[in-house]
């Protein structure tokens, strides 16, 4: 009877461990991180972009999610500002493609530079063909 209990307990423990590991693997590979400032469409300006620009000027931790819609696929970007020197904040770019075939894996890249001005936050990231600006206010 004791041996049976140990075997059942070991099997249940293994199943729980595998389930937990699978959950964390799926989250790491297929789920973009949360954006504390919120989400915007590419080129739009709203309270989310104002929150992100204010955090960049202070070099405070914050994130914004940007949705770029193409004709056959879309890409979601999450930019997370890390703490650093006020003139140069570290920024991490997370991106994920979406199409009619499903979602892609999350890609991660460190952005080379960031500067925050009254007109917005300028980001230069390896996966982008040229630096982009996330506007602080007004139309984009």
N, C-alpha and C. Protein backbone atom coordinates (compact mmCIF):
# COMPACT_ATOMS: atom_id res chain seq x y z
N UNK A 1 0.82 -1.19 0.00
CA UNK A 1 0.00 0.00 0.00
C UNK A 1 0.87 1.26 0.00
N UNK A 2 1.94 1.24 0.83
CA UNK A 2 2.83 2.40 0.88
C UNK A 2 3.55 2.63 -0.44
N UNK A 3 3.96 1.54 -1.05
CA UNK A 3 4.68 1.65 -2.33
C UNK A 3 3.76 2.26 -3.39
N UNK A 4 2.51 1.84 -3.41
CA UNK A 4 1.55 2.37 -4.37
C UNK A 4 1.37 3.87 -4.14
N UNK A 5 1.27 4.31 -2.89
CA UNK A 5 1.11 5.73 -2.56
C UNK A 5 2.32 6.52 -3.06
N UNK A 6 3.52 5.99 -2.85
CA UNK A 6 4.73 6.69 -3.30
C UNK A 6 4.77 6.80 -4.82
N UNK A 7 4.38 5.75 -5.50
CA UNK A 7 4.37 5.78 -6.96
C UNK A 7 3.35 6.81 -7.46
N UNK A 8 2.15 6.82 -6.89
CA UNK A 8 1.13 7.78 -7.29
C UNK A 8 1.60 9.21 -6.99
N UNK A 9 2.18 9.41 -5.83
CA UNK A 9 2.68 10.73 -5.46
C UNK A 9 3.78 11.18 -6.42
N UNK A 10 4.65 10.28 -6.81
CA UNK A 10 5.73 10.62 -7.74
C UNK A 10 5.17 10.96 -9.12
N UNK A 11 4.20 10.21 -9.58
CA UNK A 11 3.58 10.47 -10.89
C UNK A 11 2.86 11.82 -10.87
N UNK A 12 2.10 12.09 -9.82
CA UNK A 12 1.39 13.37 -9.71
C UNK A 12 2.39 14.52 -9.66
N UNK A 13 3.46 14.37 -8.91
CA UNK A 13 4.50 15.41 -8.83
C UNK A 13 5.12 15.67 -10.20
N UNK A 14 5.40 14.60 -10.94
CA UNK A 14 5.99 14.76 -12.28
C UNK A 14 5.03 15.46 -13.23
N UNK A 15 3.77 15.09 -13.19
CA UNK A 15 2.77 15.71 -14.07
C UNK A 15 2.64 17.20 -13.73
N UNK A 16 2.58 17.53 -12.45
CA UNK A 16 2.50 18.93 -12.05
C UNK A 16 3.75 19.71 -12.48
N UNK A 17 4.91 19.12 -12.31
CA UNK A 17 6.15 19.78 -12.71
C UNK A 17 6.20 20.01 -14.22
N UNK A 18 5.80 19.01 -15.00
CA UNK A 18 5.77 19.16 -16.46
C UNK A 18 4.75 20.22 -16.88
N UNK A 19 3.59 20.21 -16.25
CA UNK A 19 2.57 21.22 -16.56
C UNK A 19 3.05 22.63 -16.24
N UNK A 20 3.69 22.80 -15.12
CA UNK A 20 4.23 24.11 -14.74
C UNK A 20 5.32 24.55 -15.70
N UNK A 21 6.21 23.64 -16.04
CA UNK A 21 7.29 23.97 -16.98
C UNK A 21 6.71 24.34 -18.35
N UNK A 22 5.71 23.60 -18.81
CA UNK A 22 5.09 23.90 -20.10
C UNK A 22 4.43 25.26 -20.07
N UNK A 23 3.75 25.60 -18.99
CA UNK A 23 3.11 26.91 -18.85
C UNK A 23 4.15 28.03 -18.98
N UNK A 24 5.24 27.93 -18.24
CA UNK A 24 6.27 28.97 -18.29
C UNK A 24 6.96 29.03 -19.64
N UNK A 25 7.14 27.89 -20.29
CA UNK A 25 7.75 27.87 -21.62
C UNK A 25 6.85 28.58 -22.63
N UNK A 26 5.57 28.28 -22.61
CA UNK A 26 4.63 28.93 -23.54
C UNK A 26 4.61 30.43 -23.29
N UNK A 27 4.58 30.85 -22.04
CA UNK A 27 4.57 32.29 -21.73
C UNK A 27 5.84 32.96 -22.22
N UNK A 28 6.98 32.30 -22.07
CA UNK A 28 8.25 32.90 -22.49
C UNK A 28 8.38 32.97 -24.01
N UNK A 29 7.81 32.02 -24.72
CA UNK A 29 7.99 31.94 -26.16
C UNK A 29 6.88 32.65 -26.95
N UNK A 30 5.64 32.63 -26.45
CA UNK A 30 4.50 33.10 -27.24
C UNK A 30 3.72 34.27 -26.64
N UNK A 31 4.12 34.80 -25.50
CA UNK A 31 3.35 35.87 -24.88
C UNK A 31 4.24 37.10 -24.68
N UNK A 32 3.82 38.22 -25.27
CA UNK A 32 4.55 39.47 -25.09
C UNK A 32 4.41 39.96 -23.65
N UNK A 33 5.42 40.65 -23.13
CA UNK A 33 5.30 41.17 -21.76
C UNK A 33 4.25 42.28 -21.68
N UNK A 34 3.78 42.53 -20.48
CA UNK A 34 2.81 43.60 -20.27
C UNK A 34 3.47 44.96 -20.49
N UNK A 35 2.67 45.90 -20.96
CA UNK A 35 3.13 47.27 -21.19
C UNK A 35 2.44 48.17 -20.17
N UNK A 36 3.19 48.69 -19.22
CA UNK A 36 2.60 49.45 -18.12
C UNK A 36 1.89 50.72 -18.57
N UNK A 37 2.30 51.31 -19.67
CA UNK A 37 1.66 52.54 -20.15
C UNK A 37 0.45 52.26 -21.04
N UNK A 38 0.30 51.06 -21.53
CA UNK A 38 -0.84 50.73 -22.38
C UNK A 38 -0.41 50.45 -23.81
N UNK A 39 -1.39 50.51 -24.73
CA UNK A 39 -1.14 50.16 -26.12
C UNK A 39 -1.64 51.25 -27.05
N UNK A 40 -0.96 51.36 -28.21
CA UNK A 40 -1.35 52.32 -29.25
C UNK A 40 -1.18 51.67 -30.61
N UNK A 41 -1.80 52.27 -31.62
CA UNK A 41 -1.54 51.88 -33.00
C UNK A 41 -0.37 52.71 -33.49
N UNK A 42 0.35 52.19 -34.48
CA UNK A 42 1.54 52.87 -34.98
C UNK A 42 1.22 54.30 -35.40
N UNK A 43 1.98 55.28 -34.89
CA UNK A 43 1.83 56.67 -35.29
C UNK A 43 0.79 57.44 -34.51
N UNK A 44 0.03 56.79 -33.64
CA UNK A 44 -0.98 57.50 -32.86
C UNK A 44 -0.37 58.05 -31.58
N UNK A 45 -1.03 59.06 -31.03
CA UNK A 45 -0.59 59.62 -29.76
C UNK A 45 -1.78 59.69 -28.82
N UNK A 46 -1.59 59.29 -27.60
CA UNK A 46 -2.64 59.30 -26.60
C UNK A 46 -2.00 59.24 -25.22
N UNK A 47 -2.78 59.02 -24.16
CA UNK A 47 -2.18 58.96 -22.82
C UNK A 47 -1.08 57.91 -22.68
N UNK A 48 -1.15 56.81 -23.44
CA UNK A 48 -0.10 55.79 -23.36
C UNK A 48 1.23 56.36 -23.85
N UNK A 49 1.22 57.11 -24.94
CA UNK A 49 2.47 57.67 -25.45
C UNK A 49 2.98 58.76 -24.52
N UNK A 50 2.08 59.51 -23.91
CA UNK A 50 2.50 60.54 -22.94
C UNK A 50 3.14 59.90 -21.72
N UNK A 51 2.58 58.80 -21.25
CA UNK A 51 3.14 58.05 -20.11
C UNK A 51 4.54 57.54 -20.45
N UNK A 52 4.69 56.98 -21.66
CA UNK A 52 5.98 56.42 -22.08
C UNK A 52 7.03 57.52 -22.21
N UNK A 53 6.66 58.66 -22.80
CA UNK A 53 7.60 59.77 -22.96
C UNK A 53 8.02 60.34 -21.61
N UNK A 54 7.09 60.46 -20.69
CA UNK A 54 7.43 60.96 -19.35
C UNK A 54 8.39 60.02 -18.64
N UNK A 55 8.17 58.72 -18.77
CA UNK A 55 9.07 57.73 -18.16
C UNK A 55 10.45 57.79 -18.81
N UNK A 56 10.50 57.98 -20.12
CA UNK A 56 11.80 58.05 -20.82
C UNK A 56 12.58 59.29 -20.38
N UNK A 57 11.90 60.41 -20.18
CA UNK A 57 12.60 61.62 -19.73
C UNK A 57 13.21 61.43 -18.34
N UNK A 58 12.55 60.64 -17.49
CA UNK A 58 13.05 60.38 -16.14
C UNK A 58 13.92 59.12 -16.10
N UNK A 59 13.93 58.38 -17.18
CA UNK A 59 14.60 57.08 -17.26
C UNK A 59 14.03 56.13 -16.20
N UNK A 60 12.72 56.14 -16.08
CA UNK A 60 12.00 55.27 -15.16
C UNK A 60 11.50 54.04 -15.91
N UNK A 61 11.31 52.96 -15.21
CA UNK A 61 10.83 51.73 -15.83
C UNK A 61 9.39 51.91 -16.32
N UNK A 62 9.16 51.62 -17.60
CA UNK A 62 7.82 51.71 -18.20
C UNK A 62 7.83 50.96 -19.51
N UNK A 63 6.65 50.65 -20.02
CA UNK A 63 6.55 49.96 -21.30
C UNK A 63 5.35 50.43 -22.08
N UNK A 64 5.45 50.28 -23.41
CA UNK A 64 4.34 50.62 -24.30
C UNK A 64 4.24 49.53 -25.36
N UNK A 65 3.00 49.23 -25.74
CA UNK A 65 2.76 48.24 -26.79
C UNK A 65 2.31 48.98 -28.04
N UNK A 66 2.95 48.70 -29.17
CA UNK A 66 2.63 49.37 -30.43
C UNK A 66 2.22 48.30 -31.45
N UNK A 67 1.07 48.52 -32.08
CA UNK A 67 0.55 47.59 -33.07
C UNK A 67 0.78 48.16 -34.47
N UNK A 68 1.46 47.42 -35.32
CA UNK A 68 1.71 47.84 -36.70
C UNK A 68 0.99 46.87 -37.63
N UNK A 69 -0.05 47.34 -38.28
CA UNK A 69 -0.87 46.49 -39.15
C UNK A 69 -0.37 46.57 -40.58
N UNK A 70 -0.09 45.43 -41.19
CA UNK A 70 0.26 45.35 -42.60
C UNK A 70 -0.93 44.84 -43.39
N UNK A 71 -0.71 44.49 -44.66
CA UNK A 71 -1.82 43.99 -45.46
C UNK A 71 -2.14 42.53 -45.17
N UNK A 72 -1.12 41.69 -44.99
CA UNK A 72 -1.36 40.28 -44.73
C UNK A 72 -0.90 39.83 -43.36
N UNK A 73 -0.18 40.67 -42.67
CA UNK A 73 0.24 40.32 -41.32
C UNK A 73 0.40 41.59 -40.50
N UNK A 74 0.46 41.42 -39.22
CA UNK A 74 0.65 42.54 -38.30
C UNK A 74 1.81 42.18 -37.38
N UNK A 75 2.43 43.19 -36.81
CA UNK A 75 3.48 42.98 -35.83
C UNK A 75 3.15 43.80 -34.60
N UNK A 76 3.22 43.16 -33.45
CA UNK A 76 3.07 43.85 -32.19
C UNK A 76 4.45 44.02 -31.57
N UNK A 77 4.72 45.24 -31.12
CA UNK A 77 5.99 45.56 -30.46
C UNK A 77 5.69 45.98 -29.03
N UNK A 78 6.54 45.58 -28.10
CA UNK A 78 6.50 46.11 -26.74
C UNK A 78 7.89 46.65 -26.46
N UNK A 79 7.94 47.94 -26.11
CA UNK A 79 9.19 48.59 -25.75
C UNK A 79 9.19 48.81 -24.25
N UNK A 80 10.21 48.29 -23.57
CA UNK A 80 10.32 48.41 -22.12
C UNK A 80 11.57 49.24 -21.81
N UNK A 81 11.36 50.34 -21.11
CA UNK A 81 12.47 51.19 -20.66
C UNK A 81 12.97 50.64 -19.33
N UNK A 82 14.28 50.51 -19.22
CA UNK A 82 14.89 50.12 -17.95
C UNK A 82 15.51 51.32 -17.27
N UNK A 83 15.83 51.18 -16.02
CA UNK A 83 16.47 52.29 -15.30
C UNK A 83 17.88 52.50 -15.82
N UNK A 84 18.28 53.77 -15.88
CA UNK A 84 19.61 54.10 -16.35
C UNK A 84 19.88 55.57 -16.19
N UNK A 85 20.88 56.05 -16.89
CA UNK A 85 21.21 57.48 -16.85
C UNK A 85 20.12 58.25 -17.58
N UNK A 86 19.73 59.44 -17.08
CA UNK A 86 18.64 60.18 -17.71
C UNK A 86 18.84 60.48 -19.19
N UNK A 87 20.06 60.60 -19.66
CA UNK A 87 20.26 60.92 -21.08
C UNK A 87 20.25 59.68 -21.97
N UNK A 88 20.49 58.51 -21.41
CA UNK A 88 20.53 57.26 -22.18
C UNK A 88 19.89 56.13 -21.37
N UNK A 89 18.66 55.84 -21.66
CA UNK A 89 17.96 54.76 -20.97
C UNK A 89 18.10 53.47 -21.78
N UNK A 90 18.32 52.34 -21.12
CA UNK A 90 18.29 51.07 -21.85
C UNK A 90 16.85 50.73 -22.22
N UNK A 91 16.64 50.29 -23.46
CA UNK A 91 15.31 49.91 -23.92
C UNK A 91 15.40 48.52 -24.53
N UNK A 92 14.44 47.68 -24.19
CA UNK A 92 14.36 46.35 -24.78
C UNK A 92 13.12 46.29 -25.67
N UNK A 93 13.32 45.77 -26.88
CA UNK A 93 12.22 45.62 -27.83
C UNK A 93 11.80 44.16 -27.87
N UNK A 94 10.51 43.90 -27.66
CA UNK A 94 9.91 42.59 -27.83
C UNK A 94 8.98 42.70 -29.04
N UNK A 95 9.04 41.76 -29.96
CA UNK A 95 8.16 41.83 -31.13
C UNK A 95 7.61 40.45 -31.45
N UNK A 96 6.42 40.46 -32.07
CA UNK A 96 5.75 39.22 -32.41
C UNK A 96 4.89 39.44 -33.65
N UNK A 97 5.09 38.60 -34.67
CA UNK A 97 4.30 38.69 -35.89
C UNK A 97 3.00 37.90 -35.73
N UNK A 98 1.96 38.41 -36.38
CA UNK A 98 0.65 37.74 -36.40
C UNK A 98 0.16 37.71 -37.84
N UNK A 99 -0.39 36.58 -38.25
CA UNK A 99 -0.97 36.47 -39.59
C UNK A 99 -2.14 35.51 -39.53
N UNK A 100 -2.72 35.24 -40.68
CA UNK A 100 -3.84 34.31 -40.72
C UNK A 100 -3.40 32.89 -40.35
N UNK A 101 -2.10 32.64 -40.38
CA UNK A 101 -1.57 31.33 -40.00
C UNK A 101 -1.39 31.17 -38.49
N UNK A 102 -1.48 32.28 -37.74
CA UNK A 102 -1.30 32.22 -36.29
C UNK A 102 -0.29 33.26 -35.82
N UNK A 103 0.24 33.02 -34.64
CA UNK A 103 1.21 33.95 -34.07
C UNK A 103 2.60 33.35 -34.10
N UNK A 104 3.59 34.23 -34.21
CA UNK A 104 4.98 33.79 -34.20
C UNK A 104 5.54 33.83 -32.79
N UNK A 105 6.77 33.41 -32.67
CA UNK A 105 7.43 33.47 -31.37
C UNK A 105 7.84 34.90 -31.06
N UNK A 106 8.02 35.18 -29.79
CA UNK A 106 8.45 36.51 -29.36
C UNK A 106 9.95 36.64 -29.60
N UNK A 107 10.33 37.75 -30.26
CA UNK A 107 11.75 38.05 -30.49
C UNK A 107 12.14 39.18 -29.53
N UNK A 108 13.37 39.14 -29.06
CA UNK A 108 13.86 40.13 -28.11
C UNK A 108 15.13 40.76 -28.65
N UNK A 109 15.20 42.09 -28.58
CA UNK A 109 16.41 42.81 -29.02
C UNK A 109 16.62 44.01 -28.11
N UNK A 110 17.86 44.33 -27.87
CA UNK A 110 18.19 45.53 -27.11
C UNK A 110 18.34 46.70 -28.06
N UNK A 111 17.70 47.79 -27.74
CA UNK A 111 17.81 48.98 -28.59
C UNK A 111 19.12 49.68 -28.29
N UNK A 112 19.72 50.28 -29.32
CA UNK A 112 21.02 50.91 -29.17
C UNK A 112 20.97 52.25 -28.45
N UNK A 113 19.90 52.98 -28.63
CA UNK A 113 19.86 54.30 -28.00
C UNK A 113 18.43 54.75 -27.84
N UNK A 114 18.24 55.70 -26.98
CA UNK A 114 16.93 56.32 -26.83
C UNK A 114 17.15 57.77 -26.41
N UNK A 115 16.35 58.63 -26.93
CA UNK A 115 16.38 60.01 -26.47
C UNK A 115 14.94 60.48 -26.35
N UNK A 116 14.68 61.24 -25.32
CA UNK A 116 13.33 61.74 -25.08
C UNK A 116 13.35 63.25 -25.19
N UNK A 117 12.47 63.77 -26.04
CA UNK A 117 12.33 65.21 -26.20
C UNK A 117 10.86 65.57 -25.99
N UNK A 118 10.54 66.83 -26.15
CA UNK A 118 9.15 67.25 -25.99
C UNK A 118 8.25 66.67 -27.08
N UNK A 119 8.84 66.27 -28.22
CA UNK A 119 8.02 65.72 -29.30
C UNK A 119 7.85 64.20 -29.21
N UNK A 120 8.62 63.51 -28.36
CA UNK A 120 8.45 62.08 -28.20
C UNK A 120 9.73 61.36 -27.85
N UNK A 121 9.71 60.06 -28.03
CA UNK A 121 10.85 59.20 -27.69
C UNK A 121 11.40 58.62 -28.99
N UNK A 122 12.69 58.82 -29.22
CA UNK A 122 13.36 58.30 -30.41
C UNK A 122 14.05 56.99 -30.03
N UNK A 123 13.73 55.92 -30.78
CA UNK A 123 14.30 54.61 -30.53
C UNK A 123 15.04 54.11 -31.76
N UNK A 124 16.18 53.50 -31.55
CA UNK A 124 16.95 52.89 -32.62
C UNK A 124 17.19 51.44 -32.23
N UNK A 125 16.48 50.54 -32.89
CA UNK A 125 16.53 49.12 -32.54
C UNK A 125 16.97 48.29 -33.74
N UNK A 126 17.67 47.18 -33.51
CA UNK A 126 18.22 46.39 -34.61
C UNK A 126 17.19 45.86 -35.61
N UNK A 127 16.00 45.53 -35.18
CA UNK A 127 15.00 44.93 -36.08
C UNK A 127 14.25 45.98 -36.89
N UNK A 128 14.47 47.26 -36.60
CA UNK A 128 13.79 48.32 -37.34
C UNK A 128 14.74 48.89 -38.39
N UNK A 129 14.25 49.17 -39.60
CA UNK A 129 15.13 49.65 -40.67
C UNK A 129 15.69 51.05 -40.40
N UNK A 130 15.01 51.84 -39.60
CA UNK A 130 15.48 53.19 -39.26
C UNK A 130 14.94 53.55 -37.89
N UNK A 131 15.53 54.55 -37.24
CA UNK A 131 15.01 54.95 -35.93
C UNK A 131 13.55 55.39 -36.03
N UNK A 132 12.81 55.13 -35.00
CA UNK A 132 11.39 55.50 -34.97
C UNK A 132 11.16 56.48 -33.82
N UNK A 133 10.10 57.24 -33.95
CA UNK A 133 9.73 58.14 -32.86
C UNK A 133 8.32 57.80 -32.40
N UNK A 134 8.18 57.60 -31.10
CA UNK A 134 6.87 57.42 -30.51
C UNK A 134 6.46 58.80 -30.00
N UNK A 135 5.42 59.40 -30.60
CA UNK A 135 5.09 60.78 -30.27
C UNK A 135 4.61 60.93 -28.83
N UNK A 136 4.93 62.10 -28.24
CA UNK A 136 4.51 62.37 -26.86
C UNK A 136 3.08 62.87 -26.82
N UNK A 137 2.67 63.62 -27.82
CA UNK A 137 1.30 64.15 -27.88
C UNK A 137 1.00 64.59 -29.28
N UNK A 138 -0.25 64.81 -29.57
CA UNK A 138 -0.65 65.27 -30.90
C UNK A 138 -0.65 64.12 -31.88
N UNK A 139 -0.93 64.39 -33.14
CA UNK A 139 -0.98 63.36 -34.19
C UNK A 139 0.40 62.91 -34.57
N UNK A 140 0.53 61.70 -35.13
CA UNK A 140 1.81 61.14 -35.46
C UNK A 140 2.05 61.06 -36.90
